[in-house]
């Protein structure tokens, strides 16, 4: 089982725990607020960098790549990590709504995107 703890900014996989960076945690919170639904690149840019000038697309892609790498470091198979954090070119990212991922806390009503 994989558990993403967005309050503590850690990823739990079985008995392994990996810390997330503040930026990875903010990106993860944005994705977790809409499990199974696409979050546009522009929305992620606003969540991650605020009102500053939007970053290049590759910065968001790089952040998500590093988030998946943290998942792999915690013991998630690489292909499974790609299924959990999915990308659609020209649209954005989403976190899988499958039963592979448990999000903690379960209620994300306080997460604003």
Protein backbone atom coordinates (compact mmCIF):
# COMPACT_ATOMS: atom_id res chain seq x y z
CA UNK A 1 0.00 0.00 0.00
CA UNK A 2 1.11 3.56 -0.77
CA UNK A 3 0.08 6.38 1.55
CA UNK A 4 0.71 10.01 0.74
CA UNK A 5 0.69 12.07 3.93
CA UNK A 6 0.19 15.63 2.73
CA UNK A 7 0.25 17.12 6.23
CA UNK A 8 3.65 15.66 7.14
CA UNK A 9 4.98 15.86 3.55
CA UNK A 10 6.01 12.20 3.54
CA UNK A 11 5.37 9.19 1.37
CA UNK A 12 4.82 5.80 3.04
CA UNK A 13 5.28 2.61 1.03
CA UNK A 14 4.87 -0.53 3.13
CA UNK A 15 7.54 0.02 5.82
CA UNK A 16 9.50 2.70 3.93
CA UNK A 17 9.10 6.45 4.36
CA UNK A 18 10.46 9.18 2.10
CA UNK A 19 10.23 12.91 2.80
CA UNK A 20 8.92 15.26 0.14
CA UNK A 21 10.22 18.76 -0.56
CA UNK A 22 7.85 21.67 0.15
CA UNK A 23 7.39 22.18 -3.61
CA UNK A 24 6.62 18.48 -4.17
CA UNK A 25 4.15 18.60 -1.30
CA UNK A 26 2.36 21.65 -2.76
CA UNK A 27 2.15 19.94 -6.15
CA UNK A 28 0.91 16.77 -4.53
CA UNK A 29 -1.73 18.68 -2.56
CA UNK A 30 -2.99 20.22 -5.80
CA UNK A 31 -3.28 16.80 -7.44
CA UNK A 32 -4.81 15.17 -4.36
CA UNK A 33 -7.52 17.81 -4.18
CA UNK A 34 -8.94 16.37 -7.42
CA UNK A 35 -8.11 12.64 -7.53
CA UNK A 36 -8.67 11.19 -10.97
CA UNK A 37 -9.22 14.63 -12.54
CA UNK A 38 -6.72 16.61 -14.59
CA UNK A 39 -5.05 19.64 -13.02
CA UNK A 40 -3.91 22.06 -15.71
CA UNK A 41 -0.31 23.21 -15.97
CA UNK A 42 -1.43 26.82 -15.39
CA UNK A 43 -3.21 25.82 -12.16
CA UNK A 44 -0.14 23.93 -10.95
CA UNK A 45 2.06 26.94 -11.77
CA UNK A 46 -0.17 29.20 -9.67
CA UNK A 47 -0.20 26.73 -6.76
CA UNK A 48 3.56 26.20 -6.92
CA UNK A 49 4.85 29.70 -7.66
CA UNK A 50 1.95 31.97 -6.74
CA UNK A 51 1.53 35.21 -8.62
CA UNK A 52 5.07 35.22 -9.95
CA UNK A 53 5.67 34.87 -13.65
CA UNK A 54 4.72 31.39 -14.84
CA UNK A 55 7.67 29.03 -15.13
CA UNK A 56 8.57 27.14 -18.21
CA UNK A 57 6.64 23.92 -18.69
CA UNK A 58 9.77 21.87 -18.14
CA UNK A 59 9.98 23.04 -14.51
CA UNK A 60 6.60 21.49 -13.75
CA UNK A 61 7.56 18.33 -15.66
CA UNK A 62 10.83 18.15 -13.75
CA UNK A 63 9.03 18.56 -10.42
CA UNK A 64 6.64 15.71 -11.22
CA UNK A 65 9.54 13.56 -12.42
CA UNK A 66 11.32 14.12 -9.09
CA UNK A 67 8.08 13.30 -7.22
CA UNK A 68 7.85 9.99 -9.09
CA UNK A 69 11.54 9.36 -8.33
CA UNK A 70 10.77 9.80 -4.62
CA UNK A 71 8.02 7.22 -4.98
CA UNK A 72 10.47 4.80 -6.59
CA UNK A 73 12.99 5.48 -3.80
CA UNK A 74 10.30 4.49 -1.31
CA UNK A 75 9.78 1.18 -3.06
CA UNK A 76 7.09 1.85 -5.69
CA UNK A 77 7.81 0.20 -9.05
CA UNK A 78 8.67 2.80 -11.71
CA UNK A 79 5.71 1.92 -13.96
CA UNK A 80 3.37 2.03 -10.98
CA UNK A 81 4.66 5.49 -10.02
CA UNK A 82 3.90 6.67 -13.57
CA UNK A 83 0.36 5.28 -13.25
CA UNK A 84 -0.13 7.09 -9.94
CA UNK A 85 1.08 10.51 -11.14
CA UNK A 86 -0.11 10.72 -14.72
CA UNK A 87 0.71 13.30 -17.38
CA UNK A 88 -1.24 14.31 -20.45
CA UNK A 89 0.68 16.55 -22.83
CA UNK A 90 -1.00 19.91 -23.28
CA UNK A 91 -3.40 19.36 -20.38
CA UNK A 92 -1.59 18.73 -17.10
CA UNK A 93 -1.27 16.09 -14.40
CA UNK A 94 -3.51 14.00 -12.22
CA UNK A 95 -3.12 11.58 -9.37
CA UNK A 96 -4.71 8.20 -9.90
CA UNK A 97 -8.00 7.62 -8.16
CA UNK A 98 -7.22 3.90 -8.06
CA UNK A 99 -7.07 1.91 -4.87
CA UNK A 100 -3.26 1.79 -5.16
CA UNK A 101 -2.99 5.17 -3.46
CA UNK A 102 -4.32 6.16 -0.05
CA UNK A 103 -4.26 9.86 0.67
CA UNK A 104 -3.93 11.11 4.23
CA UNK A 105 -5.76 12.98 5.54
CA UNK A 106 -8.80 11.47 3.87
CA UNK A 107 -10.74 14.71 3.90
CA UNK A 108 -9.20 17.30 1.61
CA UNK A 109 -11.92 19.92 2.03
CA UNK A 110 -9.34 22.39 3.30
CA UNK A 111 -7.18 22.07 0.18
CA UNK A 112 -7.79 24.97 -2.16
CA UNK A 113 -6.61 24.94 -5.76
